[in-house]
Amino acid sequence: MKVLIVCTNHDTYPTKATKTGLWLSELTHFYEVLAKRRLLMDFVSPQGGPIPIDPRSLDLKDDINRTYYEDEAFRQKLDNSLSPAQVNARDYRLIYFTGGHGTMWDLPDNEPLQAITRTIYERGGTVAAVCHGVCGLLHVTLSDGTLLIHDKYLTGFSNVEERLASFVSEVPFYLEDKLREQGAHYTKAMLPFVEYIELDERLITGQNPNSAHKVATKAMEELFEK
């Protein structure tokens, strides 16, 4: 069984000098759970090639972050991600969208990634996403013309969390608002930044960086225990 992990290539904000990109723990904490099951995982990004890491997420006091950040093979995968054209969606049972603010610019309108997601889902696979990575699901349309997330229960980075993160002036939209506009039933934790996931059939979403491990654990339950 193979798993496809989607990451951003985008590393800039419109006016802030600060860089963005992948939020590291949203990849490493998910990866760790699946690596213990010895699953094969491929990385894909809209353009392929290097995946930038948001400097603010480089917390190497986090043992899992440090383990993978210092792992040569893992870093090689980060530097040489596949492009969507190199991916055969039929090879995968699970697709997972990582977050980081960068995703808000290059994931929502990427049609090749949407097509991959549709194929995996319609062949009985599972779709998972965390935090801002959920924006990659905003425009995924199924073969019958309906949106994947329409009438589904899901979560993602909340408006409150976005305001607390102090990047409101930079983001192109509020994810929570966009999900509601697309007809999704958005839910969230009572408090910001606490672990929270939502499950609706084969759609698993996590609200924030602290939810990546639980998304991975639930995905493994869906794939192996049902």
C-alpha atoms as a PDB file:
ATOM      1  CA  MET A   1       0.000   0.000   0.000  1.00  0.00           C
ATOM      2  CA  LYS A   2       1.293   3.442  -0.935  1.00  0.00           C
ATOM      3  CA  VAL A   3       0.519   6.860   0.503  1.00  0.00           C
ATOM      4  CA  LEU A   4       0.807  10.200  -1.284  1.00  0.00           C
ATOM      5  CA  ILE A   5       1.736  13.255   0.805  1.00  0.00           C
ATOM      6  CA  VAL A   6       1.039  16.689  -0.686  1.00  0.00           C
ATOM      7  CA  CYS A   7       3.210  19.683   0.269  1.00  0.00           C
ATOM      8  CA  THR A   8       3.451  23.292  -0.883  1.00  0.00           C
ATOM      9  CA  ASN A   9       6.183  24.893  -3.021  1.00  0.00           C
ATOM     10  CA  HIS A  10       5.193  28.436  -2.017  1.00  0.00           C
ATOM     11  CA  ASP A  11       7.485  30.245   0.435  1.00  0.00           C
ATOM     12  CA  THR A  12       6.635  33.983   0.337  1.00  0.00           C
ATOM     13  CA  TYR A  13       4.023  36.372   1.739  1.00  0.00           C
ATOM     14  CA  PRO A  14       2.717  39.348  -0.254  1.00  0.00           C
ATOM     15  CA  THR A  15       4.308  42.003   1.997  1.00  0.00           C
ATOM     16  CA  LYS A  16       6.015  40.316   4.962  1.00  0.00           C
ATOM     17  CA  ALA A  17       9.714  39.566   4.601  1.00  0.00           C
ATOM     18  CA  THR A  18       9.155  36.439   6.673  1.00  0.00           C
ATOM     19  CA  LYS A  19       9.211  33.201   4.682  1.00  0.00           C
ATOM     20  CA  THR A  20       6.514  30.530   4.728  1.00  0.00           C
ATOM     21  CA  GLY A  21       6.211  27.004   3.320  1.00  0.00           C
ATOM     22  CA  LEU A  22       5.461  23.602   4.842  1.00  0.00           C
ATOM     23  CA  TRP A  23       4.737  23.504   8.587  1.00  0.00           C
ATOM     24  CA  LEU A  24       7.275  20.805   9.456  1.00  0.00           C
ATOM     25  CA  SER A  25       5.468  18.938  12.253  1.00  0.00           C
ATOM     26  CA  GLU A  26       2.385  18.503  10.070  1.00  0.00           C
ATOM     27  CA  LEU A  27       4.565  16.302   7.880  1.00  0.00           C
ATOM     28  CA  THR A  28       6.864  14.649  10.421  1.00  0.00           C
ATOM     29  CA  HIS A  29       4.232  13.725  13.021  1.00  0.00           C
ATOM     30  CA  PHE A  30       2.072  12.149  10.312  1.00  0.00           C
ATOM     31  CA  TYR A  31       5.055  10.447   8.659  1.00  0.00           C
ATOM     32  CA  GLU A  32       6.226   8.924  11.944  1.00  0.00           C
ATOM     33  CA  VAL A  33       2.945   7.064  12.489  1.00  0.00           C
ATOM     34  CA  LEU A  34       2.961   5.586   8.984  1.00  0.00           C
ATOM     35  CA  ALA A  35       6.685   4.810   9.026  1.00  0.00           C
ATOM     36  CA  LYS A  36       6.094   2.543  12.017  1.00  0.00           C
ATOM     37  CA  ARG A  37       3.707   0.577   9.802  1.00  0.00           C
ATOM     38  CA  ARG A  38       6.432   0.453   7.140  1.00  0.00           C
ATOM     39  CA  LEU A  39       4.192   2.104   4.555  1.00  0.00           C
ATOM     40  CA  LEU A  40       5.673   3.488   1.355  1.00  0.00           C
ATOM     41  CA  MET A  41       5.194   7.253   1.159  1.00  0.00           C
ATOM     42  CA  ASP A  42       5.793   9.575  -1.786  1.00  0.00           C
ATOM     43  CA  PHE A  43       5.909  13.372  -1.626  1.00  0.00           C
ATOM     44  CA  VAL A  44       4.244  15.471  -4.313  1.00  0.00           C
ATOM     45  CA  SER A  45       4.033  19.256  -4.726  1.00  0.00           C
ATOM     46  CA  PRO A  46       2.394  21.477  -7.349  1.00  0.00           C
ATOM     47  CA  GLN A  47       5.684  22.060  -9.187  1.00  0.00           C
ATOM     48  CA  GLY A  48       7.693  19.091  -7.960  1.00  0.00           C
ATOM     49  CA  GLY A  49      11.228  19.554  -6.659  1.00  0.00           C
ATOM     50  CA  PRO A  50      12.200  21.279  -3.398  1.00  0.00           C
ATOM     51  CA  ILE A  51       9.623  21.763  -0.641  1.00  0.00           C
ATOM     52  CA  PRO A  52      10.354  24.870   1.474  1.00  0.00           C
ATOM     53  CA  ILE A  53       9.982  24.619   5.254  1.00  0.00           C
ATOM     54  CA  ASP A  54       8.418  27.525   7.154  1.00  0.00           C
ATOM     55  CA  PRO A  55      11.292  28.767   9.391  1.00  0.00           C
ATOM     56  CA  ARG A  56       8.869  29.308  12.289  1.00  0.00           C
ATOM     57  CA  SER A  57       8.106  25.572  12.278  1.00  0.00           C
ATOM     58  CA  LEU A  58      11.724  24.442  12.590  1.00  0.00           C
ATOM     59  CA  ASP A  59      11.341  23.339  16.181  1.00  0.00           C
ATOM     60  CA  LEU A  60      14.193  20.882  16.635  1.00  0.00           C
ATOM     61  CA  LYS A  61      13.456  20.513  20.342  1.00  0.00           C
ATOM     62  CA  ASP A  62      10.569  18.425  19.020  1.00  0.00           C
ATOM     63  CA  ASP A  63      12.181  14.971  18.876  1.00  0.00           C
ATOM     64  CA  ILE A  64      10.193  13.827  15.838  1.00  0.00           C
ATOM     65  CA  ASN A  65      11.021  16.991  13.893  1.00  0.00           C
ATOM     66  CA  ARG A  66      14.704  16.622  14.720  1.00  0.00           C
ATOM     67  CA  THR A  67      14.816  12.932  13.833  1.00  0.00           C
ATOM     68  CA  TYR A  68      13.484  13.504  10.333  1.00  0.00           C
ATOM     69  CA  TYR A  69      15.093  16.879   9.688  1.00  0.00           C
ATOM     70  CA  GLU A  70      18.470  15.262  10.341  1.00  0.00           C
ATOM     71  CA  ASP A  71      17.639  12.155   8.306  1.00  0.00           C
ATOM     72  CA  GLU A  72      19.406  12.221   4.924  1.00  0.00           C
ATOM     73  CA  ALA A  73      16.873  10.048   3.086  1.00  0.00           C
ATOM     74  CA  PHE A  74      13.939  12.100   4.382  1.00  0.00           C
ATOM     75  CA  ARG A  75      15.583  15.380   3.373  1.00  0.00           C
ATOM     76  CA  GLN A  76      16.267  13.931  -0.085  1.00  0.00           C
ATOM     77  CA  LYS A  77      12.544  13.257  -0.471  1.00  0.00           C
ATOM     78  CA  LEU A  78      11.781  16.835   0.609  1.00  0.00           C
ATOM     79  CA  ASP A  79      14.238  18.237  -1.912  1.00  0.00           C
ATOM     80  CA  ASN A  80      13.030  16.038  -4.768  1.00  0.00           C
ATOM     81  CA  SER A  81       9.263  15.826  -4.525  1.00  0.00           C
ATOM     82  CA  LEU A  82       7.295  14.457  -7.441  1.00  0.00           C
ATOM     83  CA  SER A  83       5.249  16.693  -9.713  1.00  0.00           C
ATOM     84  CA  PRO A  84       1.575  15.735 -10.237  1.00  0.00           C
ATOM     85  CA  ALA A  85       2.419  14.550 -13.776  1.00  0.00           C
ATOM     86  CA  GLN A  86       4.762  11.921 -12.279  1.00  0.00           C
ATOM     87  CA  VAL A  87       2.023  10.464 -10.068  1.00  0.00           C
ATOM     88  CA  ASN A  88      -0.221   7.533 -10.971  1.00  0.00           C
ATOM     89  CA  ALA A  89      -3.169   8.075  -8.649  1.00  0.00           C
ATOM     90  CA  ARG A  90      -4.194   4.401  -8.930  1.00  0.00           C
ATOM     91  CA  ASP A  91      -1.080   3.418  -6.968  1.00  0.00           C
ATOM     92  CA  TYR A  92      -2.309   5.087  -3.751  1.00  0.00           C
ATOM     93  CA  ARG A  93      -4.865   4.222  -1.062  1.00  0.00           C
ATOM     94  CA  LEU A  94      -4.401   7.429   0.926  1.00  0.00           C
ATOM     95  CA  ILE A  95      -3.627  11.049   0.067  1.00  0.00           C
ATOM     96  CA  TYR A  96      -2.670  13.516   2.811  1.00  0.00           C
ATOM     97  CA  PHE A  97      -2.421  17.295   2.463  1.00  0.00           C
ATOM     98  CA  THR A  98       0.091  18.926   4.813  1.00  0.00           C
ATOM     99  CA  GLY A  99      -0.278  22.578   5.788  1.00  0.00           C
ATOM    100  CA  GLY A 100       1.688  25.721   6.310  1.00  0.00           C
ATOM    101  CA  HIS A 101       0.533  29.115   5.029  1.00  0.00           C
ATOM    102  CA  GLY A 102       2.209  28.490   1.663  1.00  0.00           C
ATOM    103  CA  THR A 103      -0.540  26.019   0.746  1.00  0.00           C
ATOM    104  CA  MET A 104      -3.085  28.842   0.530  1.00  0.00           C
ATOM    105  CA  TRP A 105      -1.438  30.108  -2.651  1.00  0.00           C
ATOM    106  CA  ASP A 106      -0.599  26.976  -4.616  1.00  0.00           C
ATOM    107  CA  LEU A 107      -2.975  24.180  -3.539  1.00  0.00           C
ATOM    108  CA  PRO A 108      -6.597  25.395  -3.891  1.00  0.00           C
ATOM    109  CA  ASP A 109      -6.578  25.799  -7.681  1.00  0.00           C
ATOM    110  CA  ASN A 110      -4.173  23.025  -8.676  1.00  0.00           C
ATOM    111  CA  GLU A 111      -6.263  20.915 -11.055  1.00  0.00           C
ATOM    112  CA  PRO A 112      -3.780  18.027 -11.450  1.00  0.00           C
ATOM    113  CA  LEU A 113      -3.775  17.507  -7.663  1.00  0.00           C
ATOM    114  CA  GLN A 114      -7.570  17.744  -7.629  1.00  0.00           C
ATOM    115  CA  ALA A 115      -7.748  15.009 -10.289  1.00  0.00           C
ATOM    116  CA  ILE A 116      -5.405  12.776  -8.272  1.00  0.00           C
ATOM    117  CA  THR A 117      -7.508  13.308  -5.159  1.00  0.00           C
ATOM    118  CA  ARG A 118     -10.730  12.494  -7.023  1.00  0.00           C
ATOM    119  CA  THR A 119      -9.289   9.255  -8.417  1.00  0.00           C
ATOM    120  CA  ILE A 120      -8.017   8.062  -5.035  1.00  0.00           C
ATOM    121  CA  TYR A 121     -11.316   8.872  -3.318  1.00  0.00           C
ATOM    122  CA  GLU A 122     -13.537   7.346  -5.996  1.00  0.00           C
ATOM    123  CA  ARG A 123     -11.493   4.148  -5.988  1.00  0.00           C
ATOM    124  CA  GLY A 124     -12.287   3.695  -2.281  1.00  0.00           C
ATOM    125  CA  GLY A 125      -9.220   5.457  -0.908  1.00  0.00           C
ATOM    126  CA  THR A 126      -9.006   7.873   1.995  1.00  0.00           C
ATOM    127  CA  VAL A 127      -8.450  11.629   1.788  1.00  0.00           C
ATOM    128  CA  ALA A 128      -6.797  13.344   4.766  1.00  0.00           C
ATOM    129  CA  ALA A 129      -5.624  16.891   5.415  1.00  0.00           C
ATOM    130  CA  VAL A 130      -4.502  19.062   8.300  1.00  0.00           C
ATOM    131  CA  CYS A 131      -4.593  22.771   9.140  1.00  0.00           C
ATOM    132  CA  HIS A 132      -4.107  24.989   6.049  1.00  0.00           C
ATOM    133  CA  GLY A 133      -3.608  21.845   3.955  1.00  0.00           C
ATOM    134  CA  VAL A 134      -7.393  21.445   3.992  1.00  0.00           C
ATOM    135  CA  CYS A 135      -7.484  24.291   1.450  1.00  0.00           C
ATOM    136  CA  GLY A 136      -6.285  21.740  -1.118  1.00  0.00           C
ATOM    137  CA  LEU A 137      -9.759  20.178  -0.916  1.00  0.00           C
ATOM    138  CA  LEU A 138     -11.752  23.373  -1.551  1.00  0.00           C
ATOM    139  CA  HIS A 139     -12.318  22.769  -5.261  1.00  0.00           C
ATOM    140  CA  VAL A 140     -11.990  18.988  -5.612  1.00  0.00           C
ATOM    141  CA  THR A 141     -14.952  17.915  -7.754  1.00  0.00           C
ATOM    142  CA  LEU A 142     -16.178  14.332  -8.019  1.00  0.00           C
ATOM    143  CA  SER A 143     -17.171  12.658 -11.293  1.00  0.00           C
ATOM    144  CA  ASP A 144     -20.840  13.503 -10.725  1.00  0.00           C
ATOM    145  CA  GLY A 145     -19.992  17.206 -10.566  1.00  0.00           C
ATOM    146  CA  THR A 146     -20.436  17.625  -6.814  1.00  0.00           C
ATOM    147  CA  LEU A 147     -17.731  19.011  -4.567  1.00  0.00           C
ATOM    148  CA  LEU A 148     -15.929  16.404  -2.452  1.00  0.00           C
ATOM    149  CA  ILE A 149     -16.417  18.491   0.685  1.00  0.00           C
ATOM    150  CA  HIS A 150     -20.025  19.527   0.058  1.00  0.00           C
ATOM    151  CA  ASP A 151     -22.245  18.394   2.949  1.00  0.00           C
ATOM    152  CA  LYS A 152     -19.236  16.760   4.647  1.00  0.00           C
ATOM    153  CA  TYR A 153     -18.194  17.323   8.237  1.00  0.00           C
ATOM    154  CA  LEU A 154     -14.640  18.624   8.390  1.00  0.00           C
ATOM    155  CA  THR A 155     -12.274  20.981  10.163  1.00  0.00           C
ATOM    156  CA  GLY A 156      -9.227  23.098   9.339  1.00  0.00           C
ATOM    157  CA  PHE A 157      -7.375  26.169  10.620  1.00  0.00           C
ATOM    158  CA  SER A 158     -10.009  28.387  12.248  1.00  0.00           C
ATOM    159  CA  ASN A 159     -10.592  32.121  11.899  1.00  0.00           C
ATOM    160  CA  VAL A 160      -9.660  32.581  15.564  1.00  0.00           C
ATOM    161  CA  GLU A 161      -6.381  30.691  15.091  1.00  0.00           C
ATOM    162  CA  GLU A 162      -5.584  32.763  12.002  1.00  0.00           C
ATOM    163  CA  ARG A 163      -6.059  35.980  13.964  1.00  0.00           C
ATOM    164  CA  LEU A 164      -3.932  34.682  16.832  1.00  0.00           C
ATOM    165  CA  ALA A 165      -1.194  33.704  14.382  1.00  0.00           C
ATOM    166  CA  SER A 166      -1.064  37.403  13.358  1.00  0.00           C
ATOM    167  CA  PHE A 167      -0.858  36.743   9.623  1.00  0.00           C
ATOM    168  CA  VAL A 168      -4.366  37.982   8.799  1.00  0.00           C
ATOM    169  CA  SER A 169      -3.124  40.854   6.655  1.00  0.00           C
ATOM    170  CA  GLU A 170      -1.180  38.414   4.476  1.00  0.00           C
ATOM    171  CA  VAL A 171      -3.506  35.475   3.825  1.00  0.00           C
ATOM    172  CA  PRO A 172      -5.631  35.459   0.645  1.00  0.00           C
ATOM    173  CA  PHE A 173      -8.707  34.165   2.501  1.00  0.00           C
ATOM    174  CA  TYR A 174      -9.963  32.732   5.784  1.00  0.00           C
ATOM    175  CA  LEU A 175     -10.029  28.934   5.418  1.00  0.00           C
ATOM    176  CA  GLU A 176     -12.939  28.438   7.817  1.00  0.00           C
ATOM    177  CA  ASP A 177     -15.090  30.880   5.812  1.00  0.00           C
ATOM    178  CA  LYS A 178     -14.169  29.293   2.454  1.00  0.00           C
ATOM    179  CA  LEU A 179     -15.015  25.796   3.693  1.00  0.00           C
ATOM    180  CA  ARG A 180     -18.443  26.980   4.804  1.00  0.00           C
ATOM    181  CA  GLU A 181     -18.961  28.752   1.452  1.00  0.00           C
ATOM    182  CA  GLN A 182     -18.281  25.458  -0.313  1.00  0.00           C
ATOM    183  CA  GLY A 183     -21.094  23.781   1.612  1.00  0.00           C
ATOM    184  CA  ALA A 184     -19.012  21.932   4.187  1.00  0.00           C
ATOM    185  CA  HIS A 185     -20.146  21.472   7.786  1.00  0.00           C
ATOM    186  CA  TYR A 186     -17.204  23.100   9.542  1.00  0.00           C
ATOM    187  CA  THR A 187     -16.485  22.135  13.168  1.00  0.00           C
ATOM    188  CA  LYS A 188     -13.685  23.092  15.551  1.00  0.00           C
ATOM    189  CA  ALA A 189     -12.403  22.614  19.081  1.00  0.00           C
ATOM    190  CA  MET A 190     -13.683  24.839  21.879  1.00  0.00           C
ATOM    191  CA  LEU A 191     -10.164  26.256  22.367  1.00  0.00           C
ATOM    192  CA  PRO A 192      -7.683  27.316  19.660  1.00  0.00           C
ATOM    193  CA  PHE A 193      -4.593  25.219  18.906  1.00  0.00           C
ATOM    194  CA  VAL A 194      -5.721  22.093  20.769  1.00  0.00           C
ATOM    195  CA  GLU A 195      -5.734  18.724  19.002  1.00  0.00           C
ATOM    196  CA  TYR A 196      -8.976  18.198  17.082  1.00  0.00           C
ATOM    197  CA  ILE A 197      -9.987  16.045  14.122  1.00  0.00           C
ATOM    198  CA  GLU A 198     -13.166  15.405  12.182  1.00  0.00           C
ATOM    199  CA  LEU A 199     -14.070  12.173  10.367  1.00  0.00           C
ATOM    200  CA  ASP A 200     -16.719  11.852   7.651  1.00  0.00           C
ATOM    201  CA  GLU A 201     -16.609   8.492   5.870  1.00  0.00           C
ATOM    202  CA  ARG A 202     -13.222   8.447   4.072  1.00  0.00           C
ATOM    203  CA  LEU A 203     -12.467  12.120   4.714  1.00  0.00           C
ATOM    204  CA  ILE A 204     -10.248  12.860   7.736  1.00  0.00           C
ATOM    205  CA  THR A 205      -9.274  16.416   8.642  1.00  0.00           C
ATOM    206  CA  GLY A 206      -7.298  18.027  11.470  1.00  0.00           C
ATOM    207  CA  GLN A 207      -7.736  21.570  12.715  1.00  0.00           C
ATOM    208  CA  ASN A 208      -4.168  22.707  13.412  1.00  0.00           C
ATOM    209  CA  PRO A 209      -0.526  21.547  13.652  1.00  0.00           C
ATOM    210  CA  ASN A 210      -1.195  19.736  16.918  1.00  0.00           C
ATOM    211  CA  SER A 211      -3.696  17.467  15.137  1.00  0.00           C
ATOM    212  CA  ALA A 212      -1.359  15.800  12.599  1.00  0.00           C
ATOM    213  CA  HIS A 213      -0.553  12.753  14.750  1.00  0.00           C
ATOM    214  CA  LYS A 214      -4.226  12.063  15.431  1.00  0.00           C
ATOM    215  CA  VAL A 215      -5.095  12.421  11.720  1.00  0.00           C
ATOM    216  CA  ALA A 216      -2.441   9.804  10.952  1.00  0.00           C
ATOM    217  CA  THR A 217      -3.661   7.454  13.684  1.00  0.00           C
ATOM    218  CA  LYS A 218      -7.259   7.705  12.469  1.00  0.00           C
ATOM    219  CA  ALA A 219      -6.153   7.155   8.859  1.00  0.00           C
ATOM    220  CA  MET A 220      -4.385   3.949   9.874  1.00  0.00           C
ATOM    221  CA  GLU A 221      -7.524   2.759  11.677  1.00  0.00           C
ATOM    222  CA  GLU A 222      -9.591   3.425   8.546  1.00  0.00           C
ATOM    223  CA  LEU A 223      -7.161   1.584   6.284  1.00  0.00           C
ATOM    224  CA  PHE A 224      -6.295  -1.412   8.445  1.00  0.00           C
ATOM    225  CA  GLU A 225      -9.010  -2.007  10.997  1.00  0.00           C
ATOM    226  CA  LYS A 226     -12.203  -1.845   8.961  1.00  0.00           C
END
